Every structure is written in structure tokens, then in C-alpha cells.
Protein backbone atom coordinates (compact mmCIF):
# COMPACT_ATOMS: atom_id res chain seq x y z
CA UNK A 1 -20.83 -11.44 -5.40
CA UNK A 2 -20.26 -8.46 -7.21
CA UNK A 3 -19.27 -8.49 -10.87
CA UNK A 4 -15.49 -8.57 -11.61
CA UNK A 5 -15.49 -4.89 -12.80
CA UNK A 6 -16.38 -3.70 -9.41
CA UNK A 7 -13.30 -4.78 -7.43
CA UNK A 8 -10.11 -3.30 -6.12
CA UNK A 9 -7.21 -4.74 -4.36
CA UNK A 10 -4.65 -3.34 -2.28
CA UNK A 11 -1.24 -4.56 -0.57
CA UNK A 12 0.08 -3.99 3.03
CA UNK A 13 3.85 -4.39 2.06
CA UNK A 14 6.00 -4.51 5.10
CA UNK A 15 9.79 -4.67 5.46
CA UNK A 16 10.68 -6.44 8.70
CA UNK A 17 13.35 -3.77 9.63
CA UNK A 18 11.66 -0.66 8.44
CA UNK A 19 7.87 -1.25 8.71
CA UNK A 20 5.09 -0.66 6.19
CA UNK A 21 5.39 0.85 2.91
CA UNK A 22 3.36 4.00 2.40
CA UNK A 23 2.94 6.17 -0.89
CA UNK A 24 2.89 9.85 -0.73
CA UNK A 25 0.30 11.45 -2.94
CA UNK A 26 -0.29 15.21 -3.66
CA UNK A 27 -2.04 15.01 -6.92
CA UNK A 28 -5.88 14.61 -5.45
CA UNK A 29 -6.76 18.27 -4.83
CA UNK A 30 -9.79 17.43 -2.86
CA UNK A 31 -7.95 15.30 -0.18
CA UNK A 32 -4.76 17.31 -0.06
CA UNK A 33 -1.39 15.61 0.59
CA UNK A 34 -1.86 12.16 2.05
CA UNK A 35 -0.51 8.55 2.22
CA UNK A 36 -1.72 5.36 0.41
CA UNK A 37 -0.90 1.81 -0.10
CA UNK A 38 -0.11 0.16 -3.42
CA UNK A 39 -3.25 -1.04 -5.22
CA UNK A 40 -6.14 0.18 -7.25
CA UNK A 41 -8.79 -1.19 -9.56
CA UNK A 42 -8.83 -4.64 -10.90
CA UNK A 43 -9.09 -4.68 -14.56
CA UNK A 44 -10.93 -7.20 -16.54
CA UNK A 45 -7.85 -8.47 -18.19
CA UNK A 46 -6.71 -9.40 -14.64
CA UNK A 47 -9.75 -11.53 -14.20
CA UNK A 48 -9.23 -12.84 -17.82
CA UNK A 49 -5.66 -13.89 -16.81
CA UNK A 50 -7.04 -15.63 -13.66
CA UNK A 51 -9.47 -17.78 -15.71
CA UNK A 52 -6.76 -18.94 -18.06
CA UNK A 53 -4.23 -19.54 -15.49
CA UNK A 54 -6.17 -22.28 -13.71
CA UNK A 55 -9.15 -23.90 -15.23
CA UNK A 56 -9.83 -25.53 -11.64
CA UNK A 57 -10.99 -21.93 -10.63
CA UNK A 58 -13.68 -21.92 -13.38
CA UNK A 59 -16.53 -23.19 -11.15
CA UNK A 60 -15.15 -21.49 -7.94
CA UNK A 61 -16.35 -17.74 -7.88
CA UNK A 62 -14.50 -17.05 -4.71
CA UNK A 63 -11.39 -18.32 -5.92
CA UNK A 64 -11.69 -16.51 -9.36
CA UNK A 65 -12.32 -13.19 -7.75
CA UNK A 66 -9.28 -13.76 -5.41
CA UNK A 67 -6.96 -14.85 -8.13
CA UNK A 68 -7.74 -11.97 -10.30
CA UNK A 69 -7.48 -9.51 -7.59
CA UNK A 70 -4.19 -10.94 -6.67
CA UNK A 71 -3.06 -10.40 -10.21
CA UNK A 72 -4.43 -6.98 -10.26
CA UNK A 73 -2.60 -6.12 -7.05
CA UNK A 74 0.70 -7.30 -8.35
CA UNK A 75 0.23 -5.23 -11.43
CA UNK A 76 -0.63 -2.13 -9.48
CA UNK A 77 2.22 -2.69 -7.32
CA UNK A 78 4.64 -2.91 -10.14
CA UNK A 79 3.38 0.17 -11.89
CA UNK A 80 3.35 2.29 -8.90
CA UNK A 81 6.69 1.21 -7.14
CA UNK A 82 8.55 -1.01 -9.70
CA UNK A 83 8.53 -3.72 -7.12
CA UNK A 84 7.82 -6.82 -9.17
CA UNK A 85 5.95 -9.85 -7.75
CA UNK A 86 3.87 -10.80 -10.87
CA UNK A 87 5.59 -13.94 -11.36
CA UNK A 88 5.66 -14.97 -7.71
CA UNK A 89 2.03 -14.37 -6.89
CA UNK A 90 2.28 -16.71 -3.79
CA UNK A 91 4.09 -13.98 -1.97
CA UNK A 92 0.78 -12.23 -1.99
CA UNK A 93 -1.21 -13.53 1.15
CA UNK A 94 -4.71 -12.66 1.74
CA UNK A 95 -5.34 -10.51 5.07
CA UNK A 96 -8.08 -12.02 7.03
CA UNK A 97 -10.28 -8.98 8.10
CA UNK A 98 -12.76 -11.43 9.99
CA UNK A 99 -12.96 -14.95 11.30
CA UNK A 100 -15.00 -16.12 8.37
CA UNK A 101 -17.13 -14.87 5.32
CA UNK A 102 -20.26 -13.06 6.21
CA UNK A 103 -23.36 -15.02 4.49
CA UNK A 104 -25.52 -11.96 4.74
CA UNK A 105 -23.07 -9.93 2.67
CA UNK A 106 -21.23 -12.68 0.92
CA UNK A 107 -18.01 -10.91 1.39
CA UNK A 108 -14.72 -12.84 1.23
CA UNK A 109 -12.82 -12.80 4.59
CA UNK A 110 -10.33 -10.52 3.19
CA UNK A 111 -12.97 -8.02 1.53
CA UNK A 112 -14.28 -4.91 2.73
CA UNK A 113 -16.69 -2.95 0.39
CA UNK A 114 -15.50 -4.75 -2.69
CA UNK A 115 -11.69 -4.08 -1.87
CA UNK A 116 -9.66 -7.17 -1.36
CA UNK A 117 -6.55 -6.98 0.81
CA UNK A 118 -3.13 -8.90 0.64
CA UNK A 119 0.04 -8.64 2.57
CA UNK A 120 3.57 -9.04 1.29
CA UNK A 121 6.72 -9.16 3.05
CA UNK A 122 9.28 -7.22 1.10
CA UNK A 123 13.19 -7.44 1.38
CA UNK A 124 16.22 -5.49 0.22
CA UNK A 125 16.38 -7.58 -2.97
CA UNK A 126 13.15 -6.36 -4.11
CA UNK A 127 14.21 -2.75 -4.26
CA UNK A 128 16.59 -0.72 -6.46
CA UNK A 129 19.11 -0.26 -7.55
CA UNK A 130 19.52 -3.78 -8.74
CA UNK A 131 22.81 -5.66 -9.87
CA UNK A 132 23.17 -4.54 -13.54
CA UNK A 133 21.13 -1.36 -13.42
CA UNK A 134 22.65 1.31 -15.43
CA UNK A 135 23.38 4.61 -13.90
CA UNK A 136 20.48 6.24 -15.94
CA UNK A 137 18.16 3.65 -14.61
CA UNK A 138 19.30 4.17 -11.01
CA UNK A 139 18.72 8.16 -11.37
CA UNK A 140 15.07 7.42 -12.02
CA UNK A 141 14.67 5.91 -8.71
CA UNK A 142 13.87 7.79 -5.37
CA UNK A 143 14.84 7.40 -1.96
CA UNK A 144 12.17 7.57 0.89
CA UNK A 145 11.15 11.05 1.69
CA UNK A 146 12.98 10.96 5.19
CA UNK A 147 15.82 8.90 3.74
CA UNK A 148 15.14 6.02 6.04
CA UNK A 149 16.60 3.70 4.94
CA UNK A 150 18.73 5.44 2.39
CA UNK A 151 19.59 2.55 0.24
CA UNK A 152 16.23 1.21 -0.66
CA UNK A 153 14.87 2.96 -3.72
CA UNK A 154 11.71 2.78 -5.88
CA UNK A 155 10.61 3.75 -9.41
CA UNK A 156 7.64 5.84 -8.59
CA UNK A 157 4.94 6.40 -10.85
CA UNK A 158 3.41 9.70 -11.93
CA UNK A 159 0.54 9.25 -9.36
CA UNK A 160 2.88 9.43 -6.32
CA UNK A 161 5.71 11.82 -5.22
CA UNK A 162 7.45 9.83 -2.59
CA UNK A 163 7.30 7.12 -0.06
CA UNK A 164 8.31 6.34 3.52
CA UNK A 165 8.44 3.41 5.82
CA UNK A 166 6.08 3.50 8.93
CA UNK A 167 7.25 0.66 11.74
CA UNK A 168 3.93 1.22 13.59
CA UNK A 169 0.98 -0.29 11.96
CA UNK A 170 -1.35 1.60 14.29
CA UNK A 171 0.08 4.92 13.31
CA UNK A 172 -0.38 3.72 9.66
CA UNK A 173 -4.22 3.43 10.45
CA UNK A 174 -4.16 7.20 11.06
CA UNK A 175 -2.14 8.22 8.09
CA UNK A 176 -4.36 6.34 5.77
CA UNK A 177 -7.66 7.84 6.67
CA UNK A 178 -7.78 9.92 3.40
CA UNK A 179 -7.10 6.86 1.23
CA UNK A 180 -10.21 5.34 -0.63
CA UNK A 181 -12.68 7.10 1.61
CA UNK A 182 -11.05 5.75 4.77
CA UNK A 183 -11.79 2.05 3.97
CA UNK A 184 -8.00 1.23 3.60
CA UNK A 185 -7.65 2.65 7.23
CA UNK A 186 -10.51 0.68 8.50
CA UNK A 187 -9.37 -2.76 6.86
CA UNK A 188 -5.92 -2.16 8.35
CA UNK A 189 -7.31 -1.67 11.79
CA UNK A 190 -9.44 -4.86 11.34
CA UNK A 191 -6.30 -6.85 10.12
CA UNK A 192 -4.47 -5.71 13.22
CA UNK A 193 -7.21 -6.82 15.47
CA UNK A 194 -7.21 -10.15 13.92
CA UNK A 195 -3.47 -10.48 14.31
CA UNK A 196 -2.87 -10.35 10.54
CA UNK A 197 -0.36 -7.44 10.75
CA UNK A 198 2.01 -7.68 13.60
CA UNK A 199 2.28 -4.58 15.84
CA UNK A 200 5.22 -3.62 17.64
CA UNK A 201 5.03 -2.94 21.55
CA UNK A 202 5.62 0.59 21.07
CA UNK A 203 2.14 0.80 19.18
CA UNK A 204 0.24 0.28 22.19
CA UNK A 205 1.49 3.72 23.79
CA UNK A 206 0.35 5.65 20.69
CA UNK A 207 -2.65 6.78 22.23
CA UNK A 208 -0.79 8.12 25.23
CA UNK A 209 2.27 9.80 23.67
CA UNK A 210 2.39 13.47 24.27
CA UNK A 211 1.57 15.84 21.56
CA UNK A 212 5.19 16.95 21.53
CA UNK A 213 6.52 13.40 21.42
CA UNK A 214 4.14 12.75 18.33
CA UNK A 215 5.08 15.74 16.51
CA UNK A 216 8.73 14.79 16.67
CA UNK A 217 7.74 11.13 15.72
CA UNK A 218 5.63 12.59 12.73
CA UNK A 219 8.41 15.07 11.42
CA UNK A 220 11.11 12.14 11.58
CA UNK A 221 8.62 9.85 9.60
CA UNK A 222 7.72 12.50 7.11
CA UNK A 223 3.98 12.53 7.95
CA UNK A 224 4.04 16.08 8.71
CA UNK A 225 3.76 16.39 4.99
CA UNK A 226 0.17 15.43 5.12
CA UNK A 227 -0.67 18.85 6.82
CA UNK A 228 -2.77 20.72 4.35
CA UNK A 229 -1.66 24.00 5.03
CA UNK A 230 -0.79 26.30 2.06
CA UNK A 231 2.74 26.55 3.14
CA UNK A 232 3.09 22.99 3.43
CA UNK A 233 1.55 22.16 0.19
CA UNK A 234 4.00 24.57 -1.57
CA UNK A 235 7.02 23.34 0.36
CA UNK A 236 6.39 19.78 -0.95
CA UNK A 237 5.21 20.95 -4.26
CA UNK A 238 8.59 22.48 -4.82
CA UNK A 239 10.52 19.43 -3.40
CA UNK A 240 8.72 17.02 -5.72
CA UNK A 241 8.24 19.42 -8.84
CA UNK A 242 10.66 17.37 -10.85
CA UNK A 243 8.28 14.40 -10.76
CA UNK A 244 6.06 16.14 -13.23
CA UNK A 245 8.67 15.79 -15.97
């Protein structure tokens, strides 16, 4: 297996009523505006924490890698959105991308190209505002780009300028093609094929929907912002200009 420093971990976070959480990013000029899922590089400190949290893992490389990546994923989720599962890591479940570990590559079943994937069910109580939050704290939170739903808010990091929920996992595959060289999109497609990510019946008609219907759907979900035209970039740049403060 690769050394600890080589790993990244990501989370497919899903709300049963609204769909998968996608974060909107405009700060990578080469890619243009695009969507991401929470996650990122797993730090040495994450693996150190994994080593100290359970001595029984010390002789199990796979368990050590998985635990370190789970800790790293929870940390990234908190830093990027404010959603906090750092003290309830059992909520992060590995997403099996294949039936078993591939001997020739020595990859974990939830691993793709040194990226480890987890799934997380999120609920209204995970979001903001929370009971006892001050008015100032609430003002620091943002609602979904398309305001669906309007009562769930996140504390976005400087890396992202908004978020949406997408109820159709297959459409999420399309939206994530720019994230991490397309590997997140590929992993999600594999997870759907393995039955790890539930897909509504409406997803089966994705390929057959008309361009007009798809355009309307994209506008309602907020995906139209991914258009890389200068007009679109300026429009969304103005909307999210306050995020640079």
C-alpha cells in the first residue's frame, strides 16, 4: 500500500429528503466553476490519531489506513462545511466500489487511485442554525444556492462559495467530472453500480430527458453556474463576492 502521506479521503453526504451535498467552487481558475464533495488530503496527524486511538490496529495496515482516512475525512468535512462528525466517526461508512480488494493493485474496496470514499447520512440537526447559536453566528452561515431547502445552512470555508443538494445521484456523477481529475465522478459511478448509493427511479430516465427538460432541471438545481462562459463567471463572482471577506 502507499505511504500515509499519499492518501485523500472524500465523503458522499446525503440527506434522505434532499439528496447529495455538493459544494460549489470558483477558486480554481484552470477548472472554472465546478462542484465538489467534502474531503481532501489526509494529514500525518490524522494517521497519528488513528495509531493512538486503537492499538489493535497497529499490525493491520488496511485498518490503519481506513481509520486515518476516516479521521481526515471528518476533519475536512468540518473545516469545509461546519458539519461535525469528528466524535461520531461510526457514522462514516466505507463506500465499496468493487466486490473485494484487488490483489494486483492492493487497493482497498473503498479506494480508487489512493482516494478513500465514505458515505454519510446527514439530518436536519447536523446543519445550522443550531439551538443557542447567536445572531452573529447565524449570519456567518449560508443557505443553498437555489434556496432548496431554505432552513438548512452551512458554515462554508473560503475554499467554497456555496452548496446545493442534488437528489439524483446519476446527475451528481456528471456534476463532479471536474473534481480531483474526474476520479470522484468515477468513484460515485462505481458506488451506484455496486448499490452503495441509492438511486431514485427518476435517475434511470436521465439519459433520455430532453435538452429543454434537462436545462430547466439544471437551472432549478443551480448547476447552470458551472457554465464557464465569462458572463456566468462574472454573474456568480458578483453574487459570492462577499465570501472573500
